[in-house]
N, C-alpha and C. Protein backbone atom coordinates (compact mmCIF):
# COMPACT_ATOMS: atom_id res chain seq x y z
N LEU A 1 164.77 84.10 151.56
CA LEU A 1 164.61 84.98 150.40
C LEU A 1 164.70 84.22 149.09
N ILE A 2 165.63 83.27 149.03
CA ILE A 2 165.80 82.49 147.79
C ILE A 2 164.56 81.65 147.52
N VAL A 3 164.06 80.98 148.56
CA VAL A 3 162.85 80.18 148.41
C VAL A 3 161.66 81.07 148.02
N GLY A 4 161.61 82.27 148.61
CA GLY A 4 160.56 83.22 148.26
C GLY A 4 160.64 83.64 146.79
N LEU A 5 161.85 83.81 146.28
CA LEU A 5 162.02 84.15 144.86
C LEU A 5 161.57 83.01 143.96
N PHE A 6 161.87 81.77 144.39
CA PHE A 6 161.39 80.61 143.62
C PHE A 6 159.86 80.64 143.50
N ALA A 7 159.20 80.94 144.64
CA ALA A 7 157.74 80.97 144.63
C ALA A 7 157.22 82.12 143.76
N PHE A 8 157.90 83.27 143.83
CA PHE A 8 157.47 84.45 143.07
C PHE A 8 157.59 84.20 141.57
N TRP A 9 158.69 83.54 141.15
CA TRP A 9 158.91 83.28 139.73
C TRP A 9 158.18 82.04 139.23
N GLY A 10 157.53 81.30 140.14
CA GLY A 10 156.83 80.09 139.73
C GLY A 10 157.77 78.96 139.35
N THR A 11 158.97 78.95 139.96
CA THR A 11 159.94 77.89 139.66
C THR A 11 159.45 76.54 140.19
N SER A 12 159.87 75.48 139.52
CA SER A 12 159.50 74.13 139.96
C SER A 12 159.94 73.92 141.40
N THR A 13 159.04 73.42 142.23
CA THR A 13 159.34 73.24 143.66
C THR A 13 159.67 71.77 143.93
N ASP A 14 160.93 71.43 143.82
CA ASP A 14 161.36 70.07 144.12
C ASP A 14 162.54 70.11 145.09
N THR A 15 163.00 68.93 145.45
CA THR A 15 164.06 68.83 146.45
C THR A 15 165.35 69.49 145.98
N TRP A 16 165.65 69.38 144.68
CA TRP A 16 166.89 69.96 144.16
C TRP A 16 166.90 71.47 144.31
N HIS A 17 165.75 72.12 144.08
CA HIS A 17 165.70 73.57 144.25
C HIS A 17 165.88 73.95 145.72
N LEU A 18 165.33 73.14 146.63
CA LEU A 18 165.51 73.40 148.05
C LEU A 18 166.97 73.25 148.46
N LEU A 19 167.62 72.20 147.95
CA LEU A 19 169.05 71.99 148.24
C LEU A 19 169.89 73.13 147.67
N PHE A 20 169.53 73.57 146.45
CA PHE A 20 170.25 74.68 145.84
C PHE A 20 170.12 75.95 146.69
N ALA A 21 168.90 76.23 147.16
CA ALA A 21 168.66 77.42 147.98
C ALA A 21 169.47 77.35 149.27
N HIS A 22 169.49 76.17 149.89
CA HIS A 22 170.23 75.99 151.14
C HIS A 22 171.73 76.18 150.92
N ALA A 23 172.26 75.54 149.87
CA ALA A 23 173.70 75.65 149.57
C ALA A 23 174.09 77.08 149.23
N LEU A 24 173.27 77.75 148.41
CA LEU A 24 173.58 79.12 148.01
C LEU A 24 173.55 80.05 149.22
N ALA A 25 172.60 79.83 150.12
CA ALA A 25 172.53 80.65 151.33
C ALA A 25 173.80 80.50 152.16
N LEU A 26 174.27 79.25 152.31
CA LEU A 26 175.51 79.01 153.08
C LEU A 26 176.71 79.69 152.42
N ILE A 27 176.79 79.60 151.09
CA ILE A 27 177.91 80.21 150.36
C ILE A 27 177.89 81.73 150.52
N LEU A 28 176.71 82.33 150.42
CA LEU A 28 176.59 83.78 150.56
C LEU A 28 176.99 84.24 151.97
N VAL A 29 176.56 83.48 152.98
CA VAL A 29 176.93 83.81 154.35
C VAL A 29 178.44 83.69 154.55
N ALA A 30 179.04 82.62 153.99
CA ALA A 30 180.49 82.43 154.10
C ALA A 30 181.24 83.59 153.44
N CYS A 31 180.76 84.02 152.26
CA CYS A 31 181.39 85.16 151.57
C CYS A 31 181.26 86.43 152.40
N GLY A 32 180.11 86.62 153.02
CA GLY A 32 179.90 87.80 153.87
C GLY A 32 180.85 87.82 155.05
N TYR A 33 181.01 86.66 155.70
CA TYR A 33 181.94 86.57 156.83
C TYR A 33 183.38 86.80 156.37
N ALA A 34 183.73 86.21 155.22
CA ALA A 34 185.10 86.36 154.71
C ALA A 34 185.42 87.84 154.46
N TRP A 35 184.46 88.57 153.90
CA TRP A 35 184.67 90.00 153.63
C TRP A 35 184.76 90.79 154.94
N ALA A 36 183.90 90.47 155.90
CA ALA A 36 183.90 91.20 157.18
C ALA A 36 185.20 90.96 157.96
N LEU A 37 185.80 89.78 157.74
CA LEU A 37 187.02 89.42 158.48
C LEU A 37 188.27 89.49 157.62
N ARG A 38 188.20 90.28 156.53
CA ARG A 38 189.33 90.31 155.58
C ARG A 38 190.62 90.78 156.24
N ARG A 39 190.54 91.70 157.19
CA ARG A 39 191.76 92.18 157.85
C ARG A 39 192.37 91.09 158.73
N VAL A 40 191.50 90.31 159.36
CA VAL A 40 191.99 89.19 160.19
C VAL A 40 192.68 88.16 159.30
N TRP A 41 192.06 87.85 158.15
CA TRP A 41 192.66 86.90 157.20
C TRP A 41 194.05 87.40 156.77
N TRP A 42 194.13 88.69 156.43
CA TRP A 42 195.39 89.23 155.93
C TRP A 42 196.48 89.19 156.99
N SER A 43 196.14 89.55 158.22
CA SER A 43 197.15 89.51 159.29
C SER A 43 197.56 88.07 159.60
N ALA A 44 196.62 87.13 159.49
CA ALA A 44 196.94 85.72 159.74
C ALA A 44 197.90 85.17 158.70
N LEU A 45 197.74 85.61 157.43
CA LEU A 45 198.61 85.13 156.36
C LEU A 45 200.05 85.58 156.56
N GLN A 46 200.23 86.64 157.32
CA GLN A 46 201.59 87.16 157.54
C GLN A 46 202.28 86.55 158.77
N GLU A 47 201.53 85.74 159.51
CA GLU A 47 202.11 85.12 160.70
C GLU A 47 202.84 83.82 160.33
N ARG A 48 203.81 83.45 161.14
CA ARG A 48 204.51 82.19 160.96
C ARG A 48 203.69 81.07 161.58
N VAL A 49 203.75 79.90 160.97
CA VAL A 49 202.99 78.74 161.46
C VAL A 49 203.81 78.02 162.53
N ASP A 50 203.17 77.79 163.69
CA ASP A 50 203.78 77.02 164.77
C ASP A 50 203.49 75.55 164.50
N ARG A 51 204.47 74.83 163.92
CA ARG A 51 204.25 73.45 163.50
C ARG A 51 203.90 72.53 164.66
N GLN A 52 204.52 72.76 165.81
CA GLN A 52 204.24 71.91 166.96
C GLN A 52 202.80 72.09 167.43
N LYS A 53 202.37 73.35 167.52
CA LYS A 53 200.99 73.62 167.92
C LYS A 53 200.01 73.10 166.87
N GLN A 54 200.40 73.19 165.60
CA GLN A 54 199.54 72.70 164.52
C GLN A 54 199.33 71.19 164.65
N ARG A 55 200.41 70.46 164.94
CA ARG A 55 200.29 69.01 165.11
C ARG A 55 199.40 68.67 166.31
N GLN A 56 199.53 69.43 167.38
CA GLN A 56 198.70 69.21 168.56
C GLN A 56 197.22 69.43 168.23
N MET A 57 196.94 70.47 167.47
CA MET A 57 195.55 70.80 167.12
C MET A 57 194.95 69.74 166.18
N ILE A 58 195.77 69.24 165.24
CA ILE A 58 195.29 68.19 164.33
C ILE A 58 195.02 66.91 165.11
N ALA A 59 195.93 66.56 166.02
CA ALA A 59 195.74 65.36 166.84
C ALA A 59 194.48 65.48 167.70
N TYR A 60 194.19 66.69 168.13
CA TYR A 60 193.00 66.92 168.95
C TYR A 60 191.72 66.90 168.11
N GLY A 61 191.75 67.54 166.94
CA GLY A 61 190.54 67.72 166.15
C GLY A 61 190.21 66.61 165.18
N PHE A 62 191.23 65.88 164.70
CA PHE A 62 190.99 64.87 163.66
C PHE A 62 190.00 63.79 164.09
N PRO A 63 190.11 63.23 165.32
CA PRO A 63 189.13 62.20 165.72
C PRO A 63 187.70 62.73 165.76
N LEU A 64 187.54 64.04 165.97
CA LEU A 64 186.20 64.61 166.07
C LEU A 64 185.46 64.56 164.73
N ILE A 65 186.19 64.47 163.62
CA ILE A 65 185.55 64.31 162.31
C ILE A 65 184.74 63.02 162.29
N PHE A 66 185.37 61.93 162.74
CA PHE A 66 184.71 60.62 162.74
C PHE A 66 183.63 60.54 163.82
N ALA A 67 183.87 61.22 164.93
CA ALA A 67 182.84 61.27 165.97
C ALA A 67 181.61 62.00 165.45
N GLY A 68 181.84 63.07 164.68
CA GLY A 68 180.73 63.83 164.11
C GLY A 68 179.93 63.00 163.11
N LEU A 69 180.64 62.22 162.28
CA LEU A 69 179.95 61.35 161.31
C LEU A 69 179.12 60.29 162.03
N ALA A 70 179.71 59.69 163.08
CA ALA A 70 178.98 58.68 163.84
C ALA A 70 177.77 59.29 164.54
N PHE A 71 177.93 60.51 165.02
CA PHE A 71 176.81 61.18 165.71
C PHE A 71 175.70 61.52 164.72
N TRP A 72 176.09 61.94 163.50
CA TRP A 72 175.07 62.20 162.47
C TRP A 72 174.30 60.91 162.18
N GLY A 73 175.01 59.79 162.05
CA GLY A 73 174.34 58.51 161.82
C GLY A 73 173.44 58.15 162.98
N LEU A 74 173.89 58.43 164.20
CA LEU A 74 173.11 58.13 165.39
C LEU A 74 171.78 58.87 165.39
N THR A 75 171.78 60.13 164.97
CA THR A 75 170.57 60.95 165.02
C THR A 75 169.70 60.81 163.78
N ALA A 76 170.22 60.17 162.71
CA ALA A 76 169.45 60.05 161.47
C ALA A 76 168.95 58.63 161.21
N THR A 77 169.50 57.66 161.91
CA THR A 77 169.22 56.25 161.62
C THR A 77 167.74 55.92 161.68
N GLU A 78 167.06 56.37 162.74
CA GLU A 78 165.67 55.95 162.92
C GLU A 78 164.76 56.49 161.82
N ARG A 79 165.03 57.70 161.34
CA ARG A 79 164.21 58.24 160.25
C ARG A 79 164.46 57.46 158.94
N ILE A 80 165.71 57.13 158.67
CA ILE A 80 166.04 56.37 157.46
C ILE A 80 165.39 54.99 157.50
N LEU A 81 165.50 54.32 158.66
CA LEU A 81 164.94 52.97 158.78
C LEU A 81 163.41 52.98 158.83
N LEU A 82 162.84 54.02 159.43
CA LEU A 82 161.38 54.14 159.41
C LEU A 82 160.86 54.28 157.98
N ARG A 83 161.62 55.03 157.19
CA ARG A 83 161.23 55.24 155.78
C ARG A 83 161.25 53.93 155.01
N SER A 84 162.21 53.06 155.32
CA SER A 84 162.35 51.82 154.55
C SER A 84 161.64 50.63 155.17
N LEU A 85 161.45 50.63 156.49
CA LEU A 85 160.88 49.47 157.17
C LEU A 85 159.43 49.68 157.61
N SER A 86 158.93 50.91 157.51
CA SER A 86 157.57 51.18 157.95
C SER A 86 156.88 52.08 156.92
N THR A 87 155.93 52.91 157.37
CA THR A 87 155.13 53.73 156.45
C THR A 87 155.44 55.21 156.65
N PHE A 88 155.03 56.01 155.66
CA PHE A 88 155.18 57.45 155.77
C PHE A 88 154.36 58.01 156.94
N GLU A 89 153.23 57.38 157.23
CA GLU A 89 152.39 57.83 158.34
C GLU A 89 153.13 57.69 159.67
N GLU A 90 153.80 56.55 159.86
CA GLU A 90 154.58 56.35 161.08
C GLU A 90 155.77 57.29 161.14
N LEU A 91 156.39 57.52 160.00
CA LEU A 91 157.51 58.46 159.94
C LEU A 91 157.05 59.86 160.32
N GLY A 92 155.85 60.23 159.85
CA GLY A 92 155.30 61.54 160.18
C GLY A 92 155.05 61.69 161.67
N LYS A 93 154.46 60.66 162.29
CA LYS A 93 154.19 60.71 163.72
C LYS A 93 155.49 60.83 164.52
N TYR A 94 156.47 60.02 164.13
CA TYR A 94 157.75 60.07 164.85
C TYR A 94 158.41 61.44 164.69
N SER A 95 158.39 61.98 163.47
CA SER A 95 159.04 63.26 163.20
C SER A 95 158.41 64.38 164.01
N VAL A 96 157.07 64.37 164.13
CA VAL A 96 156.39 65.39 164.92
C VAL A 96 156.81 65.29 166.38
N ALA A 97 156.81 64.07 166.95
CA ALA A 97 157.20 63.89 168.35
C ALA A 97 158.66 64.29 168.57
N ALA A 98 159.54 63.88 167.64
CA ALA A 98 160.97 64.19 167.79
C ALA A 98 161.22 65.68 167.68
N ASN A 99 160.51 66.37 166.79
CA ASN A 99 160.70 67.81 166.63
C ASN A 99 160.20 68.59 167.84
N ILE A 100 159.10 68.13 168.44
CA ILE A 100 158.62 68.79 169.66
C ILE A 100 159.62 68.57 170.79
N ALA A 101 160.10 67.34 170.92
CA ALA A 101 161.06 67.03 171.99
C ALA A 101 162.39 67.76 171.78
N ALA A 102 162.74 68.04 170.51
CA ALA A 102 164.01 68.71 170.21
C ALA A 102 164.07 70.12 170.77
N ALA A 103 162.92 70.67 171.17
CA ALA A 103 162.93 72.00 171.79
C ALA A 103 163.80 71.98 173.05
N ALA A 104 163.92 70.80 173.68
CA ALA A 104 164.74 70.68 174.89
C ALA A 104 166.22 70.86 174.58
N LEU A 105 166.62 70.76 173.29
CA LEU A 105 168.02 71.00 172.94
C LEU A 105 168.44 72.43 173.21
N VAL A 106 167.46 73.34 173.31
CA VAL A 106 167.78 74.72 173.70
C VAL A 106 168.42 74.73 175.08
N LEU A 107 167.89 73.89 175.98
CA LEU A 107 168.47 73.77 177.32
C LEU A 107 169.90 73.27 177.25
N LYS A 108 170.14 72.29 176.37
CA LYS A 108 171.50 71.75 176.21
C LYS A 108 172.45 72.82 175.72
N THR A 109 172.02 73.59 174.70
CA THR A 109 172.87 74.64 174.14
C THR A 109 173.17 75.72 175.17
N LEU A 110 172.15 76.13 175.92
CA LEU A 110 172.33 77.15 176.96
C LEU A 110 173.28 76.66 178.03
N PHE A 111 173.07 75.43 178.49
CA PHE A 111 173.92 74.87 179.54
C PHE A 111 175.36 74.75 179.06
N GLN A 112 175.55 74.24 177.84
CA GLN A 112 176.89 74.03 177.30
C GLN A 112 177.63 75.37 177.18
N THR A 113 176.93 76.41 176.76
CA THR A 113 177.54 77.74 176.60
C THR A 113 178.07 78.27 177.93
N LEU A 114 177.31 78.04 178.99
CA LEU A 114 177.71 78.54 180.31
C LEU A 114 178.67 77.59 181.02
N TRP A 115 178.53 76.30 180.76
CA TRP A 115 179.24 75.27 181.51
C TRP A 115 180.72 75.18 181.14
N ALA A 116 181.01 75.13 179.84
CA ALA A 116 182.40 74.89 179.40
C ALA A 116 183.38 75.93 179.97
N PRO A 117 183.11 77.24 179.83
CA PRO A 117 184.07 78.21 180.39
C PRO A 117 184.25 78.07 181.90
N GLN A 118 183.15 77.75 182.59
CA GLN A 118 183.24 77.60 184.05
C GLN A 118 184.12 76.41 184.44
N VAL A 119 183.97 75.30 183.69
CA VAL A 119 184.78 74.12 183.99
C VAL A 119 186.27 74.40 183.76
N TYR A 120 186.58 75.09 182.67
CA TYR A 120 187.99 75.43 182.41
C TYR A 120 188.56 76.33 183.51
N LYS A 121 187.72 77.20 184.04
CA LYS A 121 188.16 78.05 185.14
C LYS A 121 188.44 77.22 186.38
N TRP A 122 187.52 76.28 186.69
CA TRP A 122 187.74 75.40 187.84
C TRP A 122 188.98 74.54 187.65
N GLU A 123 189.20 74.08 186.42
CA GLU A 123 190.38 73.25 186.14
C GLU A 123 191.66 74.02 186.40
N SER A 124 191.67 75.29 186.03
CA SER A 124 192.86 76.11 186.27
C SER A 124 193.10 76.33 187.77
N GLU A 125 192.02 76.23 188.55
CA GLU A 125 192.13 76.40 190.00
C GLU A 125 192.37 75.06 190.70
N GLY A 126 192.29 73.95 189.93
CA GLY A 126 192.53 72.62 190.48
C GLY A 126 191.39 72.06 191.30
N SER A 127 190.16 72.53 191.04
CA SER A 127 189.02 72.06 191.84
C SER A 127 187.87 71.58 190.97
N SER A 128 188.16 71.13 189.75
CA SER A 128 187.08 70.82 188.81
C SER A 128 186.36 69.50 189.12
N SER A 129 187.09 68.47 189.55
CA SER A 129 186.52 67.12 189.67
C SER A 129 185.32 67.08 190.61
N LYS A 130 185.47 67.62 191.81
CA LYS A 130 184.40 67.59 192.81
C LYS A 130 183.19 68.39 192.35
N LYS A 131 183.43 69.55 191.74
CA LYS A 131 182.34 70.42 191.32
C LYS A 131 181.60 69.84 190.12
N ILE A 132 182.32 69.13 189.24
CA ILE A 132 181.66 68.47 188.10
C ILE A 132 180.72 67.38 188.59
N ARG A 133 181.14 66.59 189.58
CA ARG A 133 180.28 65.55 190.13
C ARG A 133 179.02 66.16 190.76
N ALA A 134 179.20 67.26 191.48
CA ALA A 134 178.05 67.92 192.11
C ALA A 134 177.07 68.42 191.05
N MET A 135 177.58 69.06 190.00
CA MET A 135 176.72 69.57 188.94
C MET A 135 176.00 68.42 188.22
N ASN A 136 176.68 67.29 188.06
CA ASN A 136 176.06 66.12 187.44
C ASN A 136 174.84 65.67 188.23
N HIS A 137 174.94 65.69 189.54
CA HIS A 137 173.82 65.29 190.40
C HIS A 137 172.67 66.30 190.31
N TYR A 138 173.00 67.60 190.32
CA TYR A 138 171.96 68.63 190.20
C TYR A 138 171.22 68.51 188.87
N MET A 139 171.98 68.29 187.79
CA MET A 139 171.38 68.19 186.47
C MET A 139 170.49 66.96 186.38
N LEU A 140 170.91 65.87 187.02
CA LEU A 140 170.10 64.65 187.01
C LEU A 140 168.74 64.90 187.67
N VAL A 141 168.73 65.63 188.78
CA VAL A 141 167.47 65.96 189.45
C VAL A 141 166.57 66.79 188.52
N CYS A 142 167.15 67.79 187.86
CA CYS A 142 166.38 68.64 186.94
C CYS A 142 165.77 67.82 185.80
N ILE A 143 166.55 66.88 185.26
CA ILE A 143 166.08 66.08 184.12
C ILE A 143 164.96 65.13 184.56
N VAL A 144 165.06 64.54 185.75
CA VAL A 144 163.99 63.68 186.26
C VAL A 144 162.69 64.48 186.40
N ILE A 145 162.81 65.72 186.93
CA ILE A 145 161.63 66.57 187.10
C ILE A 145 161.03 66.92 185.74
N LEU A 146 161.87 67.25 184.75
CA LEU A 146 161.37 67.59 183.42
C LEU A 146 160.70 66.40 182.75
N PHE A 147 161.30 65.22 182.86
CA PHE A 147 160.68 64.00 182.34
C PHE A 147 159.28 63.81 182.93
N SER A 148 159.18 63.99 184.25
CA SER A 148 157.91 63.79 184.94
C SER A 148 156.87 64.81 184.48
N LEU A 149 157.29 66.06 184.34
CA LEU A 149 156.35 67.10 183.90
C LEU A 149 155.84 66.85 182.50
N VAL A 150 156.75 66.50 181.60
CA VAL A 150 156.34 66.23 180.21
C VAL A 150 155.41 65.03 180.15
N GLY A 151 155.74 63.97 180.90
CA GLY A 151 154.86 62.81 180.93
C GLY A 151 153.48 63.13 181.47
N ALA A 152 153.42 63.97 182.50
CA ALA A 152 152.14 64.32 183.11
C ALA A 152 151.30 65.23 182.23
N LEU A 153 151.96 66.06 181.42
CA LEU A 153 151.24 67.05 180.61
C LEU A 153 151.16 66.69 179.13
N ALA A 154 151.65 65.49 178.77
CA ALA A 154 151.70 65.12 177.35
C ALA A 154 150.32 65.08 176.70
N TRP A 155 149.26 64.85 177.51
CA TRP A 155 147.90 64.80 176.96
C TRP A 155 147.49 66.10 176.28
N MET A 156 148.13 67.21 176.65
CA MET A 156 147.79 68.51 176.07
C MET A 156 148.16 68.60 174.59
N ILE A 157 149.04 67.67 174.13
CA ILE A 157 149.40 67.64 172.71
C ILE A 157 148.17 67.43 171.84
N ASP A 158 147.19 66.68 172.35
CA ASP A 158 145.97 66.41 171.57
C ASP A 158 145.21 67.69 171.25
N ILE A 159 145.36 68.72 172.08
CA ILE A 159 144.67 69.99 171.83
C ILE A 159 145.27 70.70 170.62
N LEU A 160 146.56 70.50 170.39
CA LEU A 160 147.28 71.24 169.35
C LEU A 160 147.32 70.51 168.01
N LEU A 161 147.27 69.18 168.03
CA LEU A 161 147.48 68.41 166.81
C LEU A 161 146.19 67.77 166.32
N PRO A 162 146.10 67.48 165.00
CA PRO A 162 144.93 66.78 164.47
C PRO A 162 144.79 65.39 165.08
N VAL A 163 143.61 64.81 164.94
CA VAL A 163 143.29 63.55 165.58
C VAL A 163 144.18 62.41 165.10
N GLN A 164 144.67 62.47 163.85
CA GLN A 164 145.51 61.38 163.33
C GLN A 164 146.88 61.34 164.00
N TYR A 165 147.19 62.36 164.79
CA TYR A 165 148.47 62.38 165.51
C TYR A 165 148.28 62.12 167.01
N GLU A 166 147.19 61.45 167.38
CA GLU A 166 146.91 61.24 168.79
C GLU A 166 147.96 60.37 169.48
N SER A 167 148.68 59.56 168.72
CA SER A 167 149.71 58.70 169.34
C SER A 167 151.00 59.46 169.65
N VAL A 168 151.11 60.72 169.18
CA VAL A 168 152.34 61.50 169.40
C VAL A 168 152.59 61.69 170.89
N LYS A 169 151.53 61.84 171.68
CA LYS A 169 151.72 62.08 173.12
C LYS A 169 152.42 60.92 173.80
N TYR A 170 152.26 59.71 173.25
CA TYR A 170 152.93 58.54 173.83
C TYR A 170 154.40 58.45 173.39
N LEU A 171 154.71 59.08 172.27
CA LEU A 171 156.09 59.05 171.75
C LEU A 171 156.94 60.17 172.32
N LEU A 172 156.29 61.18 172.91
CA LEU A 172 157.00 62.38 173.31
C LEU A 172 158.05 62.12 174.39
N VAL A 173 157.67 61.35 175.42
CA VAL A 173 158.62 61.12 176.53
C VAL A 173 159.85 60.33 176.08
N PRO A 174 159.68 59.20 175.35
CA PRO A 174 160.91 58.52 174.88
C PRO A 174 161.74 59.37 173.92
N CYS A 175 161.07 60.20 173.11
CA CYS A 175 161.83 61.09 172.21
C CYS A 175 162.57 62.17 173.00
N LEU A 176 162.03 62.50 174.18
CA LEU A 176 162.68 63.51 175.02
C LEU A 176 163.98 62.99 175.63
N ALA A 177 164.14 61.66 175.66
CA ALA A 177 165.34 61.08 176.27
C ALA A 177 166.61 61.58 175.58
N TYR A 178 166.57 61.71 174.25
CA TYR A 178 167.78 62.14 173.53
C TYR A 178 168.27 63.51 174.00
N PRO A 179 167.47 64.59 173.90
CA PRO A 179 168.00 65.88 174.33
C PRO A 179 168.30 65.95 175.81
N MET A 180 167.50 65.26 176.64
CA MET A 180 167.71 65.33 178.09
C MET A 180 169.00 64.62 178.51
N LEU A 181 169.17 63.38 178.01
CA LEU A 181 170.38 62.63 178.38
C LEU A 181 171.62 63.24 177.74
N PHE A 182 171.44 63.85 176.58
CA PHE A 182 172.55 64.55 175.93
C PHE A 182 172.99 65.73 176.80
N THR A 183 172.02 66.46 177.36
CA THR A 183 172.33 67.57 178.25
C THR A 183 173.05 67.07 179.49
N LEU A 184 172.56 65.95 180.05
CA LEU A 184 173.20 65.38 181.24
C LEU A 184 174.65 64.99 180.94
N SER A 185 174.88 64.43 179.76
CA SER A 185 176.23 63.99 179.40
C SER A 185 177.21 65.16 179.30
N GLU A 186 176.68 66.37 179.02
CA GLU A 186 177.56 67.52 178.91
C GLU A 186 178.29 67.83 180.22
N THR A 187 177.68 67.42 181.34
CA THR A 187 178.32 67.71 182.63
C THR A 187 179.61 66.93 182.81
N THR A 188 179.71 65.75 182.17
CA THR A 188 180.91 64.93 182.34
C THR A 188 181.75 64.81 181.08
N ALA A 189 181.10 64.96 179.90
CA ALA A 189 181.85 64.80 178.64
C ALA A 189 182.91 65.87 178.47
N VAL A 190 182.76 66.98 179.20
CA VAL A 190 183.77 68.03 179.11
C VAL A 190 185.14 67.52 179.57
N GLY A 191 185.13 66.43 180.35
CA GLY A 191 186.40 65.84 180.79
C GLY A 191 187.24 65.33 179.64
N ILE A 192 186.58 64.88 178.55
CA ILE A 192 187.31 64.43 177.36
C ILE A 192 188.13 65.58 176.78
N ASN A 193 187.53 66.78 176.76
CA ASN A 193 188.25 67.94 176.25
C ASN A 193 189.36 68.38 177.19
N LEU A 194 189.09 68.29 178.49
CA LEU A 194 190.12 68.67 179.46
C LEU A 194 191.34 67.77 179.34
N ALA A 195 191.09 66.48 179.13
CA ALA A 195 192.19 65.52 179.00
C ALA A 195 192.75 65.45 177.59
N ARG A 196 192.08 66.14 176.64
CA ARG A 196 192.46 66.11 175.21
C ARG A 196 192.50 64.68 174.66
N LYS A 197 191.59 63.85 175.12
CA LYS A 197 191.49 62.46 174.66
C LYS A 197 190.27 62.33 173.74
N THR A 198 190.29 63.04 172.62
CA THR A 198 189.11 63.07 171.75
C THR A 198 188.85 61.73 171.07
N GLY A 199 189.81 60.82 171.12
CA GLY A 199 189.58 59.48 170.59
C GLY A 199 188.43 58.79 171.30
N TYR A 200 188.22 59.13 172.59
CA TYR A 200 187.09 58.56 173.32
C TYR A 200 185.76 58.97 172.70
N SER A 201 185.70 60.17 172.14
CA SER A 201 184.46 60.64 171.50
C SER A 201 184.08 59.74 170.34
N VAL A 202 185.09 59.27 169.59
CA VAL A 202 184.83 58.36 168.48
C VAL A 202 184.26 57.05 169.00
N ALA A 203 184.86 56.51 170.07
CA ALA A 203 184.40 55.25 170.64
C ALA A 203 182.97 55.37 171.16
N VAL A 204 182.70 56.45 171.88
CA VAL A 204 181.36 56.66 172.46
C VAL A 204 180.31 56.78 171.36
N ALA A 205 180.58 57.65 170.38
CA ALA A 205 179.61 57.85 169.29
C ALA A 205 179.45 56.59 168.45
N GLY A 206 180.55 55.88 168.23
CA GLY A 206 180.49 54.65 167.42
C GLY A 206 179.67 53.57 168.09
N VAL A 207 179.89 53.35 169.39
CA VAL A 207 179.13 52.33 170.12
C VAL A 207 177.66 52.71 170.17
N ALA A 208 177.37 53.99 170.41
CA ALA A 208 175.98 54.45 170.45
C ALA A 208 175.30 54.27 169.10
N PHE A 209 176.03 54.56 168.03
CA PHE A 209 175.46 54.40 166.68
C PHE A 209 175.12 52.94 166.40
N LEU A 210 176.04 52.03 166.72
CA LEU A 210 175.80 50.60 166.47
C LEU A 210 174.62 50.08 167.30
N ALA A 211 174.57 50.50 168.57
CA ALA A 211 173.46 50.08 169.42
C ALA A 211 172.13 50.62 168.89
N ASN A 212 172.14 51.87 168.48
CA ASN A 212 170.92 52.51 167.96
C ASN A 212 170.45 51.82 166.68
N ALA A 213 171.38 51.57 165.76
CA ALA A 213 171.01 50.92 164.50
C ALA A 213 170.48 49.51 164.75
N GLY A 214 171.14 48.76 165.64
CA GLY A 214 170.69 47.40 165.93
C GLY A 214 169.31 47.36 166.55
N LEU A 215 169.06 48.25 167.51
CA LEU A 215 167.75 48.29 168.16
C LEU A 215 166.65 48.75 167.21
N ASN A 216 166.99 49.70 166.34
CA ASN A 216 166.01 50.15 165.34
C ASN A 216 165.63 49.02 164.38
N LEU A 217 166.63 48.27 163.91
CA LEU A 217 166.36 47.15 163.02
C LEU A 217 165.48 46.10 163.71
N LEU A 218 165.65 45.96 165.01
CA LEU A 218 164.90 44.96 165.77
C LEU A 218 163.48 45.44 166.10
N LEU A 219 163.33 46.72 166.43
CA LEU A 219 162.07 47.21 166.99
C LEU A 219 161.14 47.87 165.98
N ILE A 220 161.70 48.53 164.95
CA ILE A 220 160.84 49.26 164.00
C ILE A 220 159.89 48.33 163.25
N PRO A 221 160.36 47.15 162.74
CA PRO A 221 159.41 46.28 162.03
C PRO A 221 158.24 45.84 162.92
N ARG A 222 158.45 45.78 164.22
CA ARG A 222 157.41 45.30 165.13
C ARG A 222 156.56 46.43 165.70
N PHE A 223 157.21 47.56 166.06
CA PHE A 223 156.49 48.63 166.75
C PHE A 223 156.43 49.95 165.97
N ALA A 224 157.02 50.00 164.79
CA ALA A 224 156.98 51.19 163.92
C ALA A 224 157.53 52.42 164.66
N ALA A 225 156.76 53.52 164.73
CA ALA A 225 157.26 54.77 165.31
C ALA A 225 157.63 54.60 166.78
N ALA A 226 156.87 53.80 167.51
CA ALA A 226 157.19 53.55 168.93
C ALA A 226 158.54 52.85 169.05
N GLY A 227 158.84 51.93 168.14
CA GLY A 227 160.14 51.27 168.15
C GLY A 227 161.27 52.23 167.89
N ALA A 228 161.07 53.17 166.97
CA ALA A 228 162.09 54.18 166.69
C ALA A 228 162.32 55.08 167.88
N ALA A 229 161.22 55.45 168.54
CA ALA A 229 161.33 56.31 169.72
C ALA A 229 162.06 55.59 170.86
């Protein structure tokens, strides 16, 4: 609606106006939620703070801040380096392939929503380890099949996209690796939460970020969008 108002009033269309619209939308949504939950806020303010539980929650959540920053760097590095080390044309091709492949993140979100509660239930019953390994194997089979299907049908992308994007079909499968392997990791990464060892998340995201940045610096100057993929 805000962007629509900008267009209606003939406001200058630049990045700052887009950022303003995005920020204002988030603020308005936050205010709406705060008003809808005002009774919950009020009852919470009257409760006593459990300092021991608070320390446990901070110890659990604090490392995730740095893991989140490293993960953001991991997913943004190739676009930033493509912009500086290659051309806008290559950046466009990579972005199209990555955005098409990102549709597979729906599978990750769906799986994660159903998986986490089930694992906690198994953990309470003392039978989580064996079932997690089994699910990891089933998910691996599904991901191999999906990789094969996308690779076999990638030529159909040419029907949908202009001729200047003909190389996107070759970038699609490597770009699919991120959402697919991310989904596979959800089957075992839940163990970090079960053990409350969130420091491992920082190590994993940090190592992945460094490897990704190093490989991008090495491959993008030589292979452009294919190197980023």
